[in-house]
Amino acid sequence: MYILSKAGLKNVLSTLSTINPFAFLGAVFLYIFAQFISTLRWKLLLPSGFRTGKLFSLYMIGAFFNTILPGIIGGDAVKALYLYQTTGRGTLAFASIFMDRYLGFIVLLLIGALAYPFGSRYLQGSGFELLLPFIIGVSIVISMLVFGLRLGKKFRLISDFYEYFHMYRNQRQVIIKALGFSLLVQCTGMLAVYIIGLGLGVHIPFITYLVFMPLIILFSTVPISISGLGIREGSFVLFFGFIGVEADVATAISFLWFLTMMIGGLYGLIEYIRYKHEKPAVFL
């Protein structure tokens, strides 16, 4: 509500009405395409025997719940539950989904790191110049402590995860393919937001999206609002405001991005209803 009051509800609605419908539909298509590529990545991290089509249905079910649960990873719990019901292996369910998200997170930070030298000027004087490097540094340290030094193995609750991680540790081709899929997923998502901006007549360099979007996505994952609503819009207003984008326009871009996810996620709702009363083995 604070963001809407700052941007002006009438101004936001007026801006929303100017979206090029083809740009919006293109963004919806890119969202669904990104979910399919994410499914291929997830399949790499699972034992053989899972059909791509069924896993895609499961991924879209998770995507739907991401739009109605806190943060943007709430649907992961739903996917984990379905996979656990299918396999009876809790470690496999949670570890594969965690690895799927972790690889996406690593590539997201990598994109930000590569773009930062070329786009850091957009953050000059904002007080956020070192935020992205700080997050990257902290992430590297935590990853080294948990995985490199195997400190997590000392915690009984997650020690079983290491059996799963060890299984893929020496499968470099699998990890490289998964990272490649992650790169495609993240770039597709940012391209969708860029297209939405163009559809509203906002012409700003794509490099700004590569710098700002990693931060916006990370903030949106904080599970304190439904699907990151409010946090995401506030982040758009904050960061895109540094380059002169008006608050109503930034809010409109953010909300339209959310609408693409909501509309794309409706397929997941259909699949959820269809599979709700079927046996878990349907995913095999």
C-alpha atoms as a PDB file:
ATOM      1  CA  MET A   1       0.000   0.000   0.000  1.00  0.00           C
ATOM      2  CA  TYR A   2       2.883   2.366   0.787  1.00  0.00           C
ATOM      3  CA  ILE A   3       4.356   1.827  -2.673  1.00  0.00           C
ATOM      4  CA  LEU A   4       0.985   2.475  -4.337  1.00  0.00           C
ATOM      5  CA  SER A   5       0.490   5.619  -2.285  1.00  0.00           C
ATOM      6  CA  LYS A   6       3.936   6.839  -3.283  1.00  0.00           C
ATOM      7  CA  ALA A   7       3.516   5.976  -6.950  1.00  0.00           C
ATOM      8  CA  GLY A   8      -0.154   6.947  -7.127  1.00  0.00           C
ATOM      9  CA  LEU A   9      -2.730   4.257  -7.820  1.00  0.00           C
ATOM     10  CA  LYS A  10      -4.274   6.178 -10.722  1.00  0.00           C
ATOM     11  CA  ASN A  11      -0.863   6.742 -12.271  1.00  0.00           C
ATOM     12  CA  VAL A  12       0.037   3.065 -11.931  1.00  0.00           C
ATOM     13  CA  LEU A  13      -3.268   1.930 -13.458  1.00  0.00           C
ATOM     14  CA  SER A  14      -2.868   4.442 -16.268  1.00  0.00           C
ATOM     15  CA  THR A  15       0.638   3.141 -16.979  1.00  0.00           C
ATOM     16  CA  LEU A  16      -0.539  -0.480 -16.870  1.00  0.00           C
ATOM     17  CA  SER A  17      -3.133   0.262 -19.540  1.00  0.00           C
ATOM     18  CA  THR A  18      -0.424   1.335 -21.988  1.00  0.00           C
ATOM     19  CA  ILE A  19       1.313  -2.054 -22.105  1.00  0.00           C
ATOM     20  CA  ASN A  20       1.741  -3.481 -25.572  1.00  0.00           C
ATOM     21  CA  PRO A  21      -0.281  -6.740 -25.474  1.00  0.00           C
ATOM     22  CA  PHE A  22       2.253  -8.555 -27.640  1.00  0.00           C
ATOM     23  CA  ALA A  23       5.032  -7.588 -25.236  1.00  0.00           C
ATOM     24  CA  PHE A  24       2.995  -8.878 -22.308  1.00  0.00           C
ATOM     25  CA  LEU A  25       2.144 -12.164 -24.042  1.00  0.00           C
ATOM     26  CA  GLY A  26       5.793 -12.522 -25.019  1.00  0.00           C
ATOM     27  CA  ALA A  27       6.777 -12.156 -21.362  1.00  0.00           C
ATOM     28  CA  VAL A  28       4.224 -14.823 -20.364  1.00  0.00           C
ATOM     29  CA  PHE A  29       5.675 -17.167 -22.988  1.00  0.00           C
ATOM     30  CA  LEU A  30       9.208 -16.513 -21.736  1.00  0.00           C
ATOM     31  CA  TYR A  31       8.104 -17.285 -18.170  1.00  0.00           C
ATOM     32  CA  ILE A  32       6.625 -20.642 -19.170  1.00  0.00           C
ATOM     33  CA  PHE A  33       9.695 -21.371 -21.297  1.00  0.00           C
ATOM     34  CA  ALA A  34      11.926 -20.639 -18.290  1.00  0.00           C
ATOM     35  CA  GLN A  35       9.893 -23.097 -16.195  1.00  0.00           C
ATOM     36  CA  PHE A  36      10.387 -25.782 -18.843  1.00  0.00           C
ATOM     37  CA  ILE A  37      14.156 -25.199 -18.894  1.00  0.00           C
ATOM     38  CA  SER A  38      14.123 -25.313 -15.093  1.00  0.00           C
ATOM     39  CA  THR A  39      12.396 -28.678 -15.359  1.00  0.00           C
ATOM     40  CA  LEU A  40      15.202 -29.974 -17.573  1.00  0.00           C
ATOM     41  CA  ARG A  41      17.715 -28.758 -14.993  1.00  0.00           C
ATOM     42  CA  TRP A  42      15.826 -30.466 -12.185  1.00  0.00           C
ATOM     43  CA  LYS A  43      15.641 -33.701 -14.165  1.00  0.00           C
ATOM     44  CA  LEU A  44      19.439 -33.723 -14.377  1.00  0.00           C
ATOM     45  CA  LEU A  45      19.550 -33.697 -10.587  1.00  0.00           C
ATOM     46  CA  LEU A  46      17.171 -36.635 -10.190  1.00  0.00           C
ATOM     47  CA  PRO A  47      17.674 -40.375 -10.789  1.00  0.00           C
ATOM     48  CA  SER A  48      16.619 -41.692 -14.179  1.00  0.00           C
ATOM     49  CA  GLY A  49      13.009 -42.761 -14.594  1.00  0.00           C
ATOM     50  CA  PHE A  50      11.208 -39.430 -14.209  1.00  0.00           C
ATOM     51  CA  ARG A  51       9.418 -38.320 -17.358  1.00  0.00           C
ATOM     52  CA  THR A  52      10.003 -34.738 -18.465  1.00  0.00           C
ATOM     53  CA  GLY A  53       6.317 -34.040 -19.079  1.00  0.00           C
ATOM     54  CA  LYS A  54       5.291 -35.140 -15.617  1.00  0.00           C
ATOM     55  CA  LEU A  55       8.127 -33.234 -13.972  1.00  0.00           C
ATOM     56  CA  PHE A  56       7.102 -30.131 -15.923  1.00  0.00           C
ATOM     57  CA  SER A  57       3.572 -30.507 -14.534  1.00  0.00           C
ATOM     58  CA  LEU A  58       5.045 -30.747 -11.055  1.00  0.00           C
ATOM     59  CA  TYR A  59       7.251 -27.714 -11.661  1.00  0.00           C
ATOM     60  CA  MET A  60       4.275 -25.683 -12.839  1.00  0.00           C
ATOM     61  CA  ILE A  61       2.304 -26.733  -9.757  1.00  0.00           C
ATOM     62  CA  GLY A  62       5.154 -25.305  -7.697  1.00  0.00           C
ATOM     63  CA  ALA A  63       5.142 -22.175  -9.860  1.00  0.00           C
ATOM     64  CA  PHE A  64       1.457 -21.668  -9.134  1.00  0.00           C
ATOM     65  CA  PHE A  65       1.951 -21.959  -5.391  1.00  0.00           C
ATOM     66  CA  ASN A  66       4.854 -19.518  -5.642  1.00  0.00           C
ATOM     67  CA  THR A  67       2.279 -16.864  -6.575  1.00  0.00           C
ATOM     68  CA  ILE A  68       0.082 -17.457  -3.513  1.00  0.00           C
ATOM     69  CA  LEU A  69       2.601 -18.333  -0.784  1.00  0.00           C
ATOM     70  CA  PRO A  70       5.114 -16.097   1.055  1.00  0.00           C
ATOM     71  CA  GLY A  71       8.297 -15.294  -0.841  1.00  0.00           C
ATOM     72  CA  ILE A  72       8.870 -16.764  -4.295  1.00  0.00           C
ATOM     73  CA  ILE A  73      10.075 -20.210  -3.199  1.00  0.00           C
ATOM     74  CA  GLY A  74       6.966 -21.373  -1.328  1.00  0.00           C
ATOM     75  CA  GLY A  75       6.100 -23.683  -4.200  1.00  0.00           C
ATOM     76  CA  ASP A  76       9.305 -25.627  -3.580  1.00  0.00           C
ATOM     77  CA  ALA A  77       7.741 -27.146  -0.470  1.00  0.00           C
ATOM     78  CA  VAL A  78       4.807 -28.323  -2.568  1.00  0.00           C
ATOM     79  CA  LYS A  79       7.137 -29.888  -5.146  1.00  0.00           C
ATOM     80  CA  ALA A  80       9.126 -31.569  -2.390  1.00  0.00           C
ATOM     81  CA  LEU A  81       5.934 -33.025  -0.901  1.00  0.00           C
ATOM     82  CA  TYR A  82       4.809 -34.462  -4.232  1.00  0.00           C
ATOM     83  CA  LEU A  83       8.251 -35.921  -4.942  1.00  0.00           C
ATOM     84  CA  TYR A  84       8.431 -37.415  -1.458  1.00  0.00           C
ATOM     85  CA  GLN A  85       5.015 -39.030  -1.941  1.00  0.00           C
ATOM     86  CA  THR A  86       6.267 -40.447  -5.226  1.00  0.00           C
ATOM     87  CA  THR A  87       9.623 -41.813  -4.095  1.00  0.00           C
ATOM     88  CA  GLY A  88       9.316 -42.091  -0.324  1.00  0.00           C
ATOM     89  CA  ARG A  89      12.799 -40.545  -0.153  1.00  0.00           C
ATOM     90  CA  GLY A  90      12.743 -37.289   1.765  1.00  0.00           C
ATOM     91  CA  THR A  91      16.444 -36.593   1.288  1.00  0.00           C
ATOM     92  CA  LEU A  92      16.174 -36.950  -2.485  1.00  0.00           C
ATOM     93  CA  ALA A  93      13.120 -34.685  -2.613  1.00  0.00           C
ATOM     94  CA  PHE A  94      14.536 -31.820  -0.575  1.00  0.00           C
ATOM     95  CA  ALA A  95      18.179 -32.139  -1.675  1.00  0.00           C
ATOM     96  CA  SER A  96      17.343 -32.129  -5.410  1.00  0.00           C
ATOM     97  CA  ILE A  97      15.115 -29.080  -5.031  1.00  0.00           C
ATOM     98  CA  PHE A  98      17.700 -27.335  -2.883  1.00  0.00           C
ATOM     99  CA  MET A  99      20.425 -28.049  -5.458  1.00  0.00           C
ATOM    100  CA  ASP A 100      18.106 -26.856  -8.231  1.00  0.00           C
ATOM    101  CA  ARG A 101      17.593 -23.548  -6.426  1.00  0.00           C
ATOM    102  CA  TYR A 102      21.223 -23.282  -5.343  1.00  0.00           C
ATOM    103  CA  LEU A 103      22.546 -23.569  -8.892  1.00  0.00           C
ATOM    104  CA  GLY A 104      20.067 -20.922  -9.995  1.00  0.00           C
ATOM    105  CA  PHE A 105      21.211 -18.706  -7.129  1.00  0.00           C
ATOM    106  CA  ILE A 106      24.877 -19.135  -8.054  1.00  0.00           C
ATOM    107  CA  VAL A 107      24.247 -18.215 -11.687  1.00  0.00           C
ATOM    108  CA  LEU A 108      22.116 -15.235 -10.633  1.00  0.00           C
ATOM    109  CA  LEU A 109      25.023 -13.880  -8.618  1.00  0.00           C
ATOM    110  CA  LEU A 110      27.424 -14.693 -11.455  1.00  0.00           C
ATOM    111  CA  ILE A 111      25.345 -12.620 -13.874  1.00  0.00           C
ATOM    112  CA  GLY A 112      25.344  -9.752 -11.399  1.00  0.00           C
ATOM    113  CA  ALA A 113      29.099 -10.061 -10.889  1.00  0.00           C
ATOM    114  CA  LEU A 114      29.835 -10.033 -14.629  1.00  0.00           C
ATOM    115  CA  ALA A 115      27.505  -7.102 -15.270  1.00  0.00           C
ATOM    116  CA  TYR A 116      28.590  -5.079 -12.235  1.00  0.00           C
ATOM    117  CA  PRO A 117      31.808  -3.594 -13.711  1.00  0.00           C
ATOM    118  CA  PHE A 118      29.803  -2.303 -16.682  1.00  0.00           C
ATOM    119  CA  GLY A 119      26.739  -1.126 -14.775  1.00  0.00           C
ATOM    120  CA  SER A 120      27.994  -0.113 -11.342  1.00  0.00           C
ATOM    121  CA  ARG A 121      27.828   3.531 -12.414  1.00  0.00           C
ATOM    122  CA  TYR A 122      24.052   3.311 -12.147  1.00  0.00           C
ATOM    123  CA  LEU A 123      24.456   2.794  -8.394  1.00  0.00           C
ATOM    124  CA  GLN A 124      26.979   5.564  -7.797  1.00  0.00           C
ATOM    125  CA  GLY A 125      25.930   7.867  -4.973  1.00  0.00           C
ATOM    126  CA  SER A 126      22.984   5.645  -4.000  1.00  0.00           C
ATOM    127  CA  GLY A 127      24.563   4.051  -0.951  1.00  0.00           C
ATOM    128  CA  PHE A 128      24.082   0.610  -2.541  1.00  0.00           C
ATOM    129  CA  GLU A 129      27.296   0.556  -4.570  1.00  0.00           C
ATOM    130  CA  LEU A 130      28.788  -2.315  -2.560  1.00  0.00           C
ATOM    131  CA  LEU A 131      25.590  -4.256  -1.827  1.00  0.00           C
ATOM    132  CA  LEU A 132      25.941  -6.751  -4.664  1.00  0.00           C
ATOM    133  CA  PRO A 133      29.685  -7.391  -4.088  1.00  0.00           C
ATOM    134  CA  PHE A 134      28.906  -7.847  -0.377  1.00  0.00           C
ATOM    135  CA  ILE A 135      26.160 -10.410  -1.060  1.00  0.00           C
ATOM    136  CA  ILE A 136      28.434 -12.258  -3.489  1.00  0.00           C
ATOM    137  CA  GLY A 137      31.273 -12.310  -0.953  1.00  0.00           C
ATOM    138  CA  VAL A 138      29.066 -13.573   1.867  1.00  0.00           C
ATOM    139  CA  SER A 139      27.601 -16.264  -0.398  1.00  0.00           C
ATOM    140  CA  ILE A 140      31.063 -17.486  -1.358  1.00  0.00           C
ATOM    141  CA  VAL A 141      32.167 -17.679   2.276  1.00  0.00           C
ATOM    142  CA  ILE A 142      29.029 -19.559   3.355  1.00  0.00           C
ATOM    143  CA  SER A 143      29.310 -21.979   0.430  1.00  0.00           C
ATOM    144  CA  MET A 144      32.941 -22.698   1.273  1.00  0.00           C
ATOM    145  CA  LEU A 145      32.121 -23.299   4.930  1.00  0.00           C
ATOM    146  CA  VAL A 146      29.127 -25.537   4.299  1.00  0.00           C
ATOM    147  CA  PHE A 147      30.328 -27.458   1.240  1.00  0.00           C
ATOM    148  CA  GLY A 148      34.074 -26.903   0.977  1.00  0.00           C
ATOM    149  CA  LEU A 149      34.874 -27.585   4.626  1.00  0.00           C
ATOM    150  CA  ARG A 150      31.842 -29.904   4.971  1.00  0.00           C
ATOM    151  CA  LEU A 151      30.725 -28.183   8.170  1.00  0.00           C
ATOM    152  CA  GLY A 152      27.119 -29.008   7.376  1.00  0.00           C
ATOM    153  CA  LYS A 153      27.915 -32.710   7.749  1.00  0.00           C
ATOM    154  CA  LYS A 154      28.246 -32.154  11.474  1.00  0.00           C
ATOM    155  CA  PHE A 155      24.563 -31.255  11.724  1.00  0.00           C
ATOM    156  CA  ARG A 156      22.522 -34.424  11.909  1.00  0.00           C
ATOM    157  CA  LEU A 157      19.460 -32.807  10.371  1.00  0.00           C
ATOM    158  CA  ILE A 158      21.191 -32.146   7.039  1.00  0.00           C
ATOM    159  CA  SER A 159      23.997 -34.701   7.097  1.00  0.00           C
ATOM    160  CA  ASP A 160      22.079 -36.982   4.736  1.00  0.00           C
ATOM    161  CA  PHE A 161      22.207 -34.210   2.139  1.00  0.00           C
ATOM    162  CA  TYR A 162      25.912 -34.864   1.700  1.00  0.00           C
ATOM    163  CA  GLU A 163      25.243 -38.307   0.305  1.00  0.00           C
ATOM    164  CA  TYR A 164      23.210 -36.662  -2.438  1.00  0.00           C
ATOM    165  CA  PHE A 165      25.777 -33.908  -3.058  1.00  0.00           C
ATOM    166  CA  HIS A 166      28.626 -36.408  -3.092  1.00  0.00           C
ATOM    167  CA  MET A 167      26.802 -38.393  -5.775  1.00  0.00           C
ATOM    168  CA  TYR A 168      26.991 -35.410  -8.146  1.00  0.00           C
ATOM    169  CA  ARG A 169      30.291 -34.008  -6.949  1.00  0.00           C
ATOM    170  CA  ASN A 170      32.355 -35.719  -9.640  1.00  0.00           C
ATOM    171  CA  GLN A 171      29.736 -35.575 -12.385  1.00  0.00           C
ATOM    172  CA  ARG A 172      31.078 -32.400 -13.952  1.00  0.00           C
ATOM    173  CA  GLN A 173      29.119 -32.761 -17.168  1.00  0.00           C
ATOM    174  CA  VAL A 174      25.857 -32.885 -15.233  1.00  0.00           C
ATOM    175  CA  ILE A 175      26.760 -29.831 -13.179  1.00  0.00           C
ATOM    176  CA  ILE A 176      27.953 -27.906 -16.256  1.00  0.00           C
ATOM    177  CA  LYS A 177      24.700 -28.687 -18.078  1.00  0.00           C
ATOM    178  CA  ALA A 178      22.695 -27.675 -15.010  1.00  0.00           C
ATOM    179  CA  LEU A 179      24.605 -24.402 -14.780  1.00  0.00           C
ATOM    180  CA  GLY A 180      24.005 -23.817 -18.485  1.00  0.00           C
ATOM    181  CA  PHE A 181      20.274 -24.341 -17.979  1.00  0.00           C
ATOM    182  CA  SER A 182      20.403 -21.968 -15.011  1.00  0.00           C
ATOM    183  CA  LEU A 183      22.056 -19.292 -17.129  1.00  0.00           C
ATOM    184  CA  LEU A 184      19.329 -19.647 -19.756  1.00  0.00           C
ATOM    185  CA  VAL A 185      16.605 -19.494 -17.095  1.00  0.00           C
ATOM    186  CA  GLN A 186      17.941 -16.346 -15.457  1.00  0.00           C
ATOM    187  CA  CYS A 187      18.600 -14.539 -18.732  1.00  0.00           C
ATOM    188  CA  THR A 188      15.127 -15.478 -19.988  1.00  0.00           C
ATOM    189  CA  GLY A 189      13.550 -14.043 -16.855  1.00  0.00           C
ATOM    190  CA  MET A 190      15.465 -10.787 -17.154  1.00  0.00           C
ATOM    191  CA  LEU A 191      14.643 -10.597 -20.854  1.00  0.00           C
ATOM    192  CA  ALA A 192      10.949 -10.914 -19.968  1.00  0.00           C
ATOM    193  CA  VAL A 193      11.195  -7.911 -17.637  1.00  0.00           C
ATOM    194  CA  TYR A 194      13.126  -5.983 -20.294  1.00  0.00           C
ATOM    195  CA  ILE A 195      10.385  -6.725 -22.854  1.00  0.00           C
ATOM    196  CA  ILE A 196       7.720  -5.563 -20.394  1.00  0.00           C
ATOM    197  CA  GLY A 197       9.650  -2.319 -19.989  1.00  0.00           C
ATOM    198  CA  LEU A 198       9.826  -1.870 -23.754  1.00  0.00           C
ATOM    199  CA  GLY A 199       6.101  -2.612 -23.936  1.00  0.00           C
ATOM    200  CA  LEU A 200       5.534   0.341 -21.625  1.00  0.00           C
ATOM    201  CA  GLY A 201       7.822   2.555 -23.660  1.00  0.00           C
ATOM    202  CA  VAL A 202      10.715   2.365 -21.173  1.00  0.00           C
ATOM    203  CA  HIS A 203      13.974   2.310 -23.096  1.00  0.00           C
ATOM    204  CA  ILE A 204      16.851   1.736 -20.723  1.00  0.00           C
ATOM    205  CA  PRO A 205      20.024  -0.328 -21.299  1.00  0.00           C
ATOM    206  CA  PHE A 206      19.653  -4.078 -20.758  1.00  0.00           C
ATOM    207  CA  ILE A 207      22.803  -3.964 -18.620  1.00  0.00           C
ATOM    208  CA  THR A 208      20.810  -2.179 -15.902  1.00  0.00           C
ATOM    209  CA  TYR A 209      18.507  -5.186 -15.646  1.00  0.00           C
ATOM    210  CA  LEU A 210      21.514  -7.468 -15.291  1.00  0.00           C
ATOM    211  CA  VAL A 211      22.732  -5.338 -12.360  1.00  0.00           C
ATOM    212  CA  PHE A 212      19.403  -4.603 -10.650  1.00  0.00           C
ATOM    213  CA  MET A 213      17.452  -7.828 -11.182  1.00  0.00           C
ATOM    214  CA  PRO A 214      19.739 -10.096  -9.087  1.00  0.00           C
ATOM    215  CA  LEU A 215      19.193  -7.753  -6.126  1.00  0.00           C
ATOM    216  CA  ILE A 216      15.444  -7.449  -6.755  1.00  0.00           C
ATOM    217  CA  ILE A 217      15.032 -11.224  -7.057  1.00  0.00           C
ATOM    218  CA  LEU A 218      17.013 -11.839  -3.875  1.00  0.00           C
ATOM    219  CA  PHE A 219      14.915  -9.329  -1.929  1.00  0.00           C
ATOM    220  CA  SER A 220      11.725 -10.874  -3.306  1.00  0.00           C
ATOM    221  CA  THR A 221      12.651 -14.300  -1.929  1.00  0.00           C
ATOM    222  CA  VAL A 222      12.372 -13.027   1.647  1.00  0.00           C
ATOM    223  CA  PRO A 223       9.222 -14.831   2.888  1.00  0.00           C
ATOM    224  CA  ILE A 224       7.447 -11.908   4.540  1.00  0.00           C
ATOM    225  CA  SER A 225       4.814 -11.224   1.889  1.00  0.00           C
ATOM    226  CA  ILE A 226       2.697 -13.220  -0.538  1.00  0.00           C
ATOM    227  CA  SER A 227       4.827 -13.962  -3.612  1.00  0.00           C
ATOM    228  CA  GLY A 228       7.105 -11.064  -2.678  1.00  0.00           C
ATOM    229  CA  LEU A 229       4.370  -8.499  -3.341  1.00  0.00           C
ATOM    230  CA  GLY A 230       5.316  -5.093  -1.993  1.00  0.00           C
ATOM    231  CA  ILE A 231       8.965  -6.022  -1.530  1.00  0.00           C
ATOM    232  CA  ARG A 232       9.403  -6.598  -5.245  1.00  0.00           C
ATOM    233  CA  GLU A 233       7.589  -3.388  -6.177  1.00  0.00           C
ATOM    234  CA  GLY A 234       9.533  -1.414  -3.597  1.00  0.00           C
ATOM    235  CA  SER A 235      12.786  -2.826  -4.948  1.00  0.00           C
ATOM    236  CA  PHE A 236      11.848  -1.862  -8.503  1.00  0.00           C
ATOM    237  CA  VAL A 237      10.980   1.669  -7.405  1.00  0.00           C
ATOM    238  CA  LEU A 238      14.207   1.952  -5.411  1.00  0.00           C
ATOM    239  CA  PHE A 239      16.715   0.641  -7.920  1.00  0.00           C
ATOM    240  CA  PHE A 240      15.146   1.855 -11.150  1.00  0.00           C
ATOM    241  CA  GLY A 241      14.633   5.214  -9.485  1.00  0.00           C
ATOM    242  CA  PHE A 242      18.416   5.586  -9.501  1.00  0.00           C
ATOM    243  CA  ILE A 243      18.305   5.888 -13.285  1.00  0.00           C
ATOM    244  CA  GLY A 244      15.336   8.217 -13.418  1.00  0.00           C
ATOM    245  CA  VAL A 245      12.432   5.795 -13.895  1.00  0.00           C
ATOM    246  CA  GLU A 246       9.287   7.234 -12.304  1.00  0.00           C
ATOM    247  CA  ALA A 247       7.783   5.343  -9.352  1.00  0.00           C
ATOM    248  CA  ASP A 248       4.507   4.608 -11.158  1.00  0.00           C
ATOM    249  CA  VAL A 249       6.352   3.177 -14.164  1.00  0.00           C
ATOM    250  CA  ALA A 250       8.674   1.027 -12.021  1.00  0.00           C
ATOM    251  CA  THR A 251       5.676  -0.256 -10.031  1.00  0.00           C
ATOM    252  CA  ALA A 252       3.841  -1.050 -13.269  1.00  0.00           C
ATOM    253  CA  ILE A 253       6.801  -3.036 -14.621  1.00  0.00           C
ATOM    254  CA  SER A 254       7.011  -4.999 -11.395  1.00  0.00           C
ATOM    255  CA  PHE A 255       3.286  -5.716 -11.229  1.00  0.00           C
ATOM    256  CA  LEU A 256       3.133  -6.755 -14.885  1.00  0.00           C
ATOM    257  CA  TRP A 257       6.035  -9.133 -14.264  1.00  0.00           C
ATOM    258  CA  PHE A 258       4.055 -10.626 -11.397  1.00  0.00           C
ATOM    259  CA  LEU A 259       0.998 -10.940 -13.648  1.00  0.00           C
ATOM    260  CA  THR A 260       3.030 -12.892 -16.212  1.00  0.00           C
ATOM    261  CA  MET A 261       3.999 -15.338 -13.468  1.00  0.00           C
ATOM    262  CA  MET A 262       0.433 -15.556 -12.212  1.00  0.00           C
ATOM    263  CA  ILE A 263      -1.028 -16.174 -15.670  1.00  0.00           C
ATOM    264  CA  GLY A 264       1.712 -18.648 -16.557  1.00  0.00           C
ATOM    265  CA  GLY A 265       1.191 -20.360 -13.212  1.00  0.00           C
ATOM    266  CA  LEU A 266      -2.488 -21.015 -13.962  1.00  0.00           C
ATOM    267  CA  TYR A 267      -1.358 -24.083 -15.883  1.00  0.00           C
ATOM    268  CA  GLY A 268       0.038 -25.314 -12.582  1.00  0.00           C
ATOM    269  CA  LEU A 269      -3.363 -24.829 -10.948  1.00  0.00           C
ATOM    270  CA  ILE A 270      -4.965 -26.955 -13.663  1.00  0.00           C
ATOM    271  CA  GLU A 271      -2.337 -29.659 -13.136  1.00  0.00           C
ATOM    272  CA  TYR A 272      -2.783 -29.503  -9.359  1.00  0.00           C
ATOM    273  CA  ILE A 273      -6.525 -30.070  -9.679  1.00  0.00           C
ATOM    274  CA  ARG A 274      -5.974 -32.849 -12.215  1.00  0.00           C
ATOM    275  CA  TYR A 275      -3.383 -34.726 -10.158  1.00  0.00           C
ATOM    276  CA  LYS A 276      -4.824 -34.036  -6.721  1.00  0.00           C
ATOM    277  CA  HIS A 277      -6.752 -37.290  -6.573  1.00  0.00           C
ATOM    278  CA  GLU A 278      -4.359 -39.405  -8.615  1.00  0.00           C
ATOM    279  CA  LYS A 279      -1.638 -41.667  -7.300  1.00  0.00           C
ATOM    280  CA  PRO A 280       1.761 -40.068  -6.602  1.00  0.00           C
ATOM    281  CA  ALA A 281       3.381 -42.567  -9.008  1.00  0.00           C
ATOM    282  CA  VAL A 282       1.851 -40.595 -11.876  1.00  0.00           C
ATOM    283  CA  PHE A 283       5.108 -38.602 -11.978  1.00  0.00           C
ATOM    284  CA  LEU A 284       7.155 -41.670 -12.776  1.00  0.00           C
END
